[in-house]
């Protein structure tokens, strides 16, 4: 239990730039993974939809981390 507590405390001690950078990393990784999935499933890329999906996931990660930072969870 103590390890989980220290991990969340460490995540909330980061700055806003770090939260934004984390969201950008999530967007890039999500985009690449979803493009690979589209290629494997459909045999072609669906770049606009994949970019939107990756952006939504990154926005969700940013909002979650921002809330954790604001409430110091």
PDB file of N, CA and C in Angstrom:
ATOM      1  N   UNK A   1       0.824  -1.194   0.000  1.00  0.00           N
ATOM      2  CA  UNK A   1       0.000   0.000   0.000  1.00  0.00           C
ATOM      3  C   UNK A   1       0.864   1.253   0.000  1.00  0.00           C
ATOM      4  N   UNK A   2       1.948   1.229   0.732  1.00  0.00           N
ATOM      5  CA  UNK A   2       2.814   2.402   0.813  1.00  0.00           C
ATOM      6  C   UNK A   2       3.426   2.738  -0.544  1.00  0.00           C
ATOM      7  N   UNK A   3       3.734   1.722  -1.330  1.00  0.00           N
ATOM      8  CA  UNK A   3       4.333   1.956  -2.649  1.00  0.00           C
ATOM      9  C   UNK A   3       3.351   2.676  -3.566  1.00  0.00           C
ATOM     10  N   UNK A   4       2.105   2.292  -3.551  1.00  0.00           N
ATOM     11  CA  UNK A   4       1.086   2.955  -4.360  1.00  0.00           C
ATOM     12  C   UNK A   4       0.934   4.408  -3.937  1.00  0.00           C
ATOM     13  N   UNK A   5       0.974   4.640  -2.650  1.00  0.00           N
ATOM     14  CA  UNK A   5       0.848   5.990  -2.138  1.00  0.00           C
ATOM     15  C   UNK A   5       1.993   6.866  -2.640  1.00  0.00           C
ATOM     16  N   UNK A   6       3.210   6.348  -2.614  1.00  0.00           N
ATOM     17  CA  UNK A   6       4.351   7.143  -3.057  1.00  0.00           C
ATOM     18  C   UNK A   6       4.324   7.365  -4.559  1.00  0.00           C
ATOM     19  N   UNK A   7       3.795   6.394  -5.330  1.00  0.00           N
ATOM     20  CA  UNK A   7       3.699   6.588  -6.774  1.00  0.00           C
ATOM     21  C   UNK A   7       2.727   7.708  -7.109  1.00  0.00           C
ATOM     22  N   UNK A   8       1.577   7.740  -6.462  1.00  0.00           N
ATOM     23  CA  UNK A   8       0.615   8.800  -6.755  1.00  0.00           C
ATOM     24  C   UNK A   8       1.127  10.145  -6.263  1.00  0.00           C
ATOM     25  N   UNK A   9       1.840  10.160  -5.166  1.00  0.00           N
ATOM     26  CA  UNK A   9       2.416  11.403  -4.665  1.00  0.00           C
ATOM     27  C   UNK A   9       3.464  11.923  -5.635  1.00  0.00           C
ATOM     28  N   UNK A  10       4.255  11.027  -6.197  1.00  0.00           N
ATOM     29  CA  UNK A  10       5.268  11.410  -7.166  1.00  0.00           C
ATOM     30  C   UNK A  10       4.624  11.958  -8.432  1.00  0.00           C
ATOM     31  N   UNK A  11       3.530  11.383  -8.859  1.00  0.00           N
ATOM     32  CA  UNK A  11       2.856  11.833 -10.076  1.00  0.00           C
ATOM     33  C   UNK A  11       2.269  13.227  -9.897  1.00  0.00           C
ATOM     34  N   UNK A  12       1.838  13.566  -8.703  1.00  0.00           N
ATOM     35  CA  UNK A  12       1.230  14.875  -8.490  1.00  0.00           C
ATOM     36  C   UNK A  12       2.260  15.958  -8.230  1.00  0.00           C
ATOM     37  N   UNK A  13       3.510  15.611  -7.995  1.00  0.00           N
ATOM     38  CA  UNK A  13       4.522  16.623  -7.731  1.00  0.00           C
ATOM     39  C   UNK A  13       5.159  17.146  -9.013  1.00  0.00           C
ATOM     40  N   UNK A  14       4.708  16.677 -10.160  1.00  0.00           N
ATOM     41  CA  UNK A  14       5.258  17.145 -11.422  1.00  0.00           C
ATOM     42  C   UNK A  14       4.611  18.467 -11.821  1.00  0.00           C
ATOM     43  N   UNK A  15       5.287  19.187 -12.711  1.00  0.00           N
ATOM     44  CA  UNK A  15       4.763  20.462 -13.184  1.00  0.00           C
ATOM     45  C   UNK A  15       3.791  20.276 -14.331  1.00  0.00           C
ATOM     46  N   UNK A  16       3.171  21.390 -14.729  1.00  0.00           N
ATOM     47  CA  UNK A  16       2.194  21.344 -15.819  1.00  0.00           C
ATOM     48  C   UNK A  16       2.850  20.956 -17.134  1.00  0.00           C
ATOM     49  N   UNK A  17       4.091  21.383 -17.340  1.00  0.00           N
ATOM     50  CA  UNK A  17       4.793  21.005 -18.568  1.00  0.00           C
ATOM     51  C   UNK A  17       4.995  19.496 -18.639  1.00  0.00           C
ATOM     52  N   UNK A  18       5.279  18.888 -17.493  1.00  0.00           N
ATOM     53  CA  UNK A  18       5.446  17.434 -17.449  1.00  0.00           C
ATOM     54  C   UNK A  18       4.136  16.722 -17.765  1.00  0.00           C
ATOM     55  N   UNK A  19       3.030  17.258 -17.277  1.00  0.00           N
ATOM     56  CA  UNK A  19       1.728  16.657 -17.574  1.00  0.00           C
ATOM     57  C   UNK A  19       1.417  16.753 -19.059  1.00  0.00           C
ATOM     58  N   UNK A  20       1.732  17.895 -19.651  1.00  0.00           N
ATOM     59  CA  UNK A  20       1.501  18.073 -21.086  1.00  0.00           C
ATOM     60  C   UNK A  20       2.400  17.148 -21.898  1.00  0.00           C
ATOM     61  N   UNK A  21       3.656  17.024 -21.488  1.00  0.00           N
ATOM     62  CA  UNK A  21       4.584  16.133 -22.184  1.00  0.00           C
ATOM     63  C   UNK A  21       4.120  14.680 -22.097  1.00  0.00           C
ATOM     64  N   UNK A  22       3.616  14.283 -20.951  1.00  0.00           N
ATOM     65  CA  UNK A  22       3.084  12.927 -20.796  1.00  0.00           C
ATOM     66  C   UNK A  22       1.905  12.702 -21.732  1.00  0.00           C
ATOM     67  N   UNK A  23       1.026  13.686 -21.843  1.00  0.00           N
ATOM     68  CA  UNK A  23      -0.126  13.562 -22.741  1.00  0.00           C
ATOM     69  C   UNK A  23       0.318  13.459 -24.198  1.00  0.00           C
ATOM     70  N   UNK A  24       1.337  14.218 -24.574  1.00  0.00           N
ATOM     71  CA  UNK A  24       1.852  14.145 -25.949  1.00  0.00           C
ATOM     72  C   UNK A  24       2.455  12.770 -26.217  1.00  0.00           C
ATOM     73  N   UNK A  25       3.196  12.239 -25.251  1.00  0.00           N
ATOM     74  CA  UNK A  25       3.768  10.893 -25.410  1.00  0.00           C
ATOM     75  C   UNK A  25       2.664   9.851 -25.580  1.00  0.00           C
ATOM     76  N   UNK A  26       1.616   9.969 -24.780  1.00  0.00           N
ATOM     77  CA  UNK A  26       0.491   9.037 -24.885  1.00  0.00           C
ATOM     78  C   UNK A  26      -0.157   9.147 -26.254  1.00  0.00           C
ATOM     79  N   UNK A  27      -0.304  10.370 -26.759  1.00  0.00           N
ATOM     80  CA  UNK A  27      -0.913  10.565 -28.076  1.00  0.00           C
ATOM     81  C   UNK A  27      -0.073   9.921 -29.170  1.00  0.00           C
ATOM     82  N   UNK A  28       1.232  10.095 -29.107  1.00  0.00           N
ATOM     83  CA  UNK A  28       2.110   9.531 -30.144  1.00  0.00           C
ATOM     84  C   UNK A  28       2.089   8.008 -30.098  1.00  0.00           C
ATOM     85  N   UNK A  29       2.238   7.448 -28.905  1.00  0.00           N
ATOM     86  CA  UNK A  29       2.231   5.985 -28.783  1.00  0.00           C
ATOM     87  C   UNK A  29       0.869   5.431 -29.179  1.00  0.00           C
ATOM     88  N   UNK A  30      -0.194   6.073 -28.733  1.00  0.00           N
ATOM     89  CA  UNK A  30      -1.536   5.629 -29.106  1.00  0.00           C
ATOM     90  C   UNK A  30      -1.762   5.681 -30.602  1.00  0.00           C
ATOM     91  N   UNK A  31      -1.291   6.739 -31.247  1.00  0.00           N
ATOM     92  CA  UNK A  31      -1.444   6.873 -32.691  1.00  0.00           C
ATOM     93  C   UNK A  31      -0.726   5.744 -33.426  1.00  0.00           C
ATOM     94  N   UNK A  32       0.510   5.470 -33.034  1.00  0.00           N
ATOM     95  CA  UNK A  32       1.285   4.414 -33.703  1.00  0.00           C
ATOM     96  C   UNK A  32       0.634   3.053 -33.499  1.00  0.00           C
ATOM     97  N   UNK A  33       0.219   2.769 -32.275  1.00  0.00           N
ATOM     98  CA  UNK A  33      -0.398   1.473 -31.985  1.00  0.00           C
ATOM     99  C   UNK A  33      -1.725   1.321 -32.728  1.00  0.00           C
ATOM    100  N   UNK A  34      -2.535   2.369 -32.736  1.00  0.00           N
ATOM    101  CA  UNK A  34      -3.817   2.288 -33.435  1.00  0.00           C
ATOM    102  C   UNK A  34      -3.642   2.197 -34.949  1.00  0.00           C
ATOM    103  N   UNK A  35      -2.623   2.858 -35.495  1.00  0.00           N
ATOM    104  CA  UNK A  35      -2.349   2.732 -36.926  1.00  0.00           C
ATOM    105  C   UNK A  35      -1.942   1.296 -37.258  1.00  0.00           C
ATOM    106  N   UNK A  36      -1.104   0.707 -36.422  1.00  0.00           N
ATOM    107  CA  UNK A  36      -0.705  -0.687 -36.645  1.00  0.00           C
ATOM    108  C   UNK A  36      -1.919  -1.606 -36.579  1.00  0.00           C
ATOM    109  N   UNK A  37      -2.818  -1.351 -35.636  1.00  0.00           N
ATOM    110  CA  UNK A  37      -4.035  -2.156 -35.527  1.00  0.00           C
ATOM    111  C   UNK A  37      -4.895  -2.011 -36.780  1.00  0.00           C
ATOM    112  N   UNK A  38      -5.057  -0.790 -37.273  1.00  0.00           N
ATOM    113  CA  UNK A  38      -5.832  -0.570 -38.496  1.00  0.00           C
ATOM    114  C   UNK A  38      -5.204  -1.307 -39.678  1.00  0.00           C
ATOM    115  N   UNK A  39      -3.897  -1.241 -39.787  1.00  0.00           N
ATOM    116  CA  UNK A  39      -3.203  -1.919 -40.885  1.00  0.00           C
ATOM    117  C   UNK A  39      -3.418  -3.427 -40.792  1.00  0.00           C
ATOM    118  N   UNK A  40      -3.325  -3.957 -39.576  1.00  0.00           N
ATOM    119  CA  UNK A  40      -3.490  -5.395 -39.372  1.00  0.00           C
ATOM    120  C   UNK A  40      -4.935  -5.822 -39.622  1.00  0.00           C
ATOM    121  N   UNK A  41      -5.895  -5.064 -39.112  1.00  0.00           N
ATOM    122  CA  UNK A  41      -7.311  -5.435 -39.230  1.00  0.00           C
ATOM    123  C   UNK A  41      -7.889  -5.165 -40.614  1.00  0.00           C
ATOM    124  N   UNK A  42      -7.634  -3.980 -41.163  1.00  0.00           N
ATOM    125  CA  UNK A  42      -8.298  -3.572 -42.402  1.00  0.00           C
ATOM    126  C   UNK A  42      -7.381  -3.566 -43.620  1.00  0.00           C
ATOM    127  N   UNK A  43      -6.091  -3.652 -43.395  1.00  0.00           N
ATOM    128  CA  UNK A  43      -5.154  -3.632 -44.510  1.00  0.00           C
ATOM    129  C   UNK A  43      -4.860  -2.239 -45.034  1.00  0.00           C
ATOM    130  N   UNK A  44      -5.373  -1.210 -44.357  1.00  0.00           N
ATOM    131  CA  UNK A  44      -5.087   0.171 -44.750  1.00  0.00           C
ATOM    132  C   UNK A  44      -5.136   1.060 -43.511  1.00  0.00           C
ATOM    133  N   UNK A  45      -4.604   2.259 -43.657  1.00  0.00           N
ATOM    134  CA  UNK A  45      -4.583   3.194 -42.540  1.00  0.00           C
ATOM    135  C   UNK A  45      -5.837   4.057 -42.542  1.00  0.00           C
ATOM    136  N   UNK A  46      -6.281   4.443 -41.365  1.00  0.00           N
ATOM    137  CA  UNK A  46      -7.385   5.385 -41.200  1.00  0.00           C
ATOM    138  C   UNK A  46      -6.857   6.531 -40.339  1.00  0.00           C
ATOM    139  N   UNK A  47      -6.020   7.362 -40.948  1.00  0.00           N
ATOM    140  CA  UNK A  47      -5.272   8.371 -40.209  1.00  0.00           C
ATOM    141  C   UNK A  47      -6.147   9.379 -39.462  1.00  0.00           C
ATOM    142  N   UNK A  48      -7.176   9.973 -40.072  1.00  0.00           N
ATOM    143  CA  UNK A  48      -7.967  10.959 -39.316  1.00  0.00           C
ATOM    144  C   UNK A  48      -8.649  10.370 -38.074  1.00  0.00           C
ATOM    145  N   UNK A  49      -9.255   9.223 -38.225  1.00  0.00           N
ATOM    146  CA  UNK A  49      -9.938   8.606 -37.082  1.00  0.00           C
ATOM    147  C   UNK A  49      -8.936   8.164 -36.021  1.00  0.00           C
ATOM    148  N   UNK A  50      -7.802   7.648 -36.454  1.00  0.00           N
ATOM    149  CA  UNK A  50      -6.773   7.219 -35.513  1.00  0.00           C
ATOM    150  C   UNK A  50      -6.206   8.409 -34.755  1.00  0.00           C
ATOM    151  N   UNK A  51      -5.986   9.512 -35.445  1.00  0.00           N
ATOM    152  CA  UNK A  51      -5.483  10.719 -34.783  1.00  0.00           C
ATOM    153  C   UNK A  51      -6.489  11.235 -33.762  1.00  0.00           C
ATOM    154  N   UNK A  52      -7.761  11.201 -34.108  1.00  0.00           N
ATOM    155  CA  UNK A  52      -8.801  11.631 -33.176  1.00  0.00           C
ATOM    156  C   UNK A  52      -8.841  10.730 -31.948  1.00  0.00           C
ATOM    157  N   UNK A  53      -8.791   9.426 -32.153  1.00  0.00           N
ATOM    158  CA  UNK A  53      -8.803   8.479 -31.029  1.00  0.00           C
ATOM    159  C   UNK A  53      -7.597   8.691 -30.117  1.00  0.00           C
ATOM    160  N   UNK A  54      -6.420   8.842 -30.712  1.00  0.00           N
ATOM    161  CA  UNK A  54      -5.205   9.050 -29.919  1.00  0.00           C
ATOM    162  C   UNK A  54      -5.285  10.370 -29.155  1.00  0.00           C
ATOM    163  N   UNK A  55      -5.833  11.393 -29.789  1.00  0.00           N
ATOM    164  CA  UNK A  55      -5.996  12.678 -29.119  1.00  0.00           C
ATOM    165  C   UNK A  55      -6.966  12.611 -27.955  1.00  0.00           C
ATOM    166  N   UNK A  56      -8.042  11.860 -28.123  1.00  0.00           N
ATOM    167  CA  UNK A  56      -9.011  11.708 -27.035  1.00  0.00           C
ATOM    168  C   UNK A  56      -8.407  10.968 -25.845  1.00  0.00           C
ATOM    169  N   UNK A  57      -7.638   9.936 -26.122  1.00  0.00           N
ATOM    170  CA  UNK A  57      -6.981   9.201 -25.035  1.00  0.00           C
ATOM    171  C   UNK A  57      -5.979  10.107 -24.320  1.00  0.00           C
ATOM    172  N   UNK A  58      -5.199  10.860 -25.082  1.00  0.00           N
ATOM    173  CA  UNK A  58      -4.221  11.770 -24.484  1.00  0.00           C
ATOM    174  C   UNK A  58      -4.911  12.854 -23.658  1.00  0.00           C
ATOM    175  N   UNK A  59      -6.026  13.372 -24.153  1.00  0.00           N
ATOM    176  CA  UNK A  59      -6.771  14.381 -23.398  1.00  0.00           C
ATOM    177  C   UNK A  59      -7.301  13.801 -22.089  1.00  0.00           C
ATOM    178  N   UNK A  60      -7.770  12.571 -22.143  1.00  0.00           N
ATOM    179  CA  UNK A  60      -8.239  11.918 -20.925  1.00  0.00           C
ATOM    180  C   UNK A  60      -7.132  11.722 -19.912  1.00  0.00           C
ATOM    181  N   UNK A  61      -5.967  11.329 -20.381  1.00  0.00           N
ATOM    182  CA  UNK A  61      -4.814  11.155 -19.488  1.00  0.00           C
ATOM    183  C   UNK A  61      -4.420  12.501 -18.881  1.00  0.00           C
ATOM    184  N   UNK A  62      -4.413  13.551 -19.706  1.00  0.00           N
ATOM    185  CA  UNK A  62      -4.063  14.878 -19.198  1.00  0.00           C
ATOM    186  C   UNK A  62      -5.057  15.342 -18.137  1.00  0.00           C
ATOM    187  N   UNK A  63      -6.341  15.188 -18.409  1.00  0.00           N
ATOM    188  CA  UNK A  63      -7.366  15.622 -17.451  1.00  0.00           C
ATOM    189  C   UNK A  63      -7.249  14.840 -16.146  1.00  0.00           C
ATOM    190  N   UNK A  64      -7.066  13.532 -16.241  1.00  0.00           N
ATOM    191  CA  UNK A  64      -6.920  12.715 -15.033  1.00  0.00           C
ATOM    192  C   UNK A  64      -5.712  13.154 -14.215  1.00  0.00           C
ATOM    193  N   UNK A  65      -4.565  13.334 -14.871  1.00  0.00           N
ATOM    194  CA  UNK A  65      -3.366  13.767 -14.150  1.00  0.00           C
ATOM    195  C   UNK A  65      -3.522  15.178 -13.591  1.00  0.00           C
ATOM    196  N   UNK A  66      -4.224  16.051 -14.312  1.00  0.00           N
ATOM    197  CA  UNK A  66      -4.458  17.407 -13.813  1.00  0.00           C
ATOM    198  C   UNK A  66      -5.337  17.384 -12.569  1.00  0.00           C
ATOM    199  N   UNK A  67      -6.367  16.557 -12.584  1.00  0.00           N
ATOM    200  CA  UNK A  67      -7.232  16.440 -11.407  1.00  0.00           C
ATOM    201  C   UNK A  67      -6.441  15.901 -10.224  1.00  0.00           C
ATOM    202  N   UNK A  68      -5.634  14.882 -10.466  1.00  0.00           N
ATOM    203  CA  UNK A  68      -4.809  14.337  -9.382  1.00  0.00           C
ATOM    204  C   UNK A  68      -3.842  15.385  -8.845  1.00  0.00           C
ATOM    205  N   UNK A  69      -3.301  16.193  -9.735  1.00  0.00           N
ATOM    206  CA  UNK A  69      -2.385  17.249  -9.303  1.00  0.00           C
ATOM    207  C   UNK A  69      -3.117  18.301  -8.474  1.00  0.00           C
ATOM    208  N   UNK A  70      -4.313  18.679  -8.901  1.00  0.00           N
ATOM    209  CA  UNK A  70      -5.046  19.729  -8.199  1.00  0.00           C
ATOM    210  C   UNK A  70      -5.534  19.295  -6.824  1.00  0.00           C
ATOM    211  N   UNK A  71      -5.948  18.039  -6.696  1.00  0.00           N
ATOM    212  CA  UNK A  71      -6.437  17.578  -5.393  1.00  0.00           C
ATOM    213  C   UNK A  71      -5.332  16.955  -4.554  1.00  0.00           C
ATOM    214  N   UNK A  72      -4.132  16.863  -5.125  1.00  0.00           N
ATOM    215  CA  UNK A  72      -2.968  16.291  -4.417  1.00  0.00           C
ATOM    216  C   UNK A  72      -3.265  14.903  -3.880  1.00  0.00           C
ATOM    217  N   UNK A  73      -3.879  14.077  -4.734  1.00  0.00           N
ATOM    218  CA  UNK A  73      -4.268  12.720  -4.348  1.00  0.00           C
ATOM    219  C   UNK A  73      -3.055  11.886  -4.074  1.00  0.00           C
TER     220      UNK A  73
END
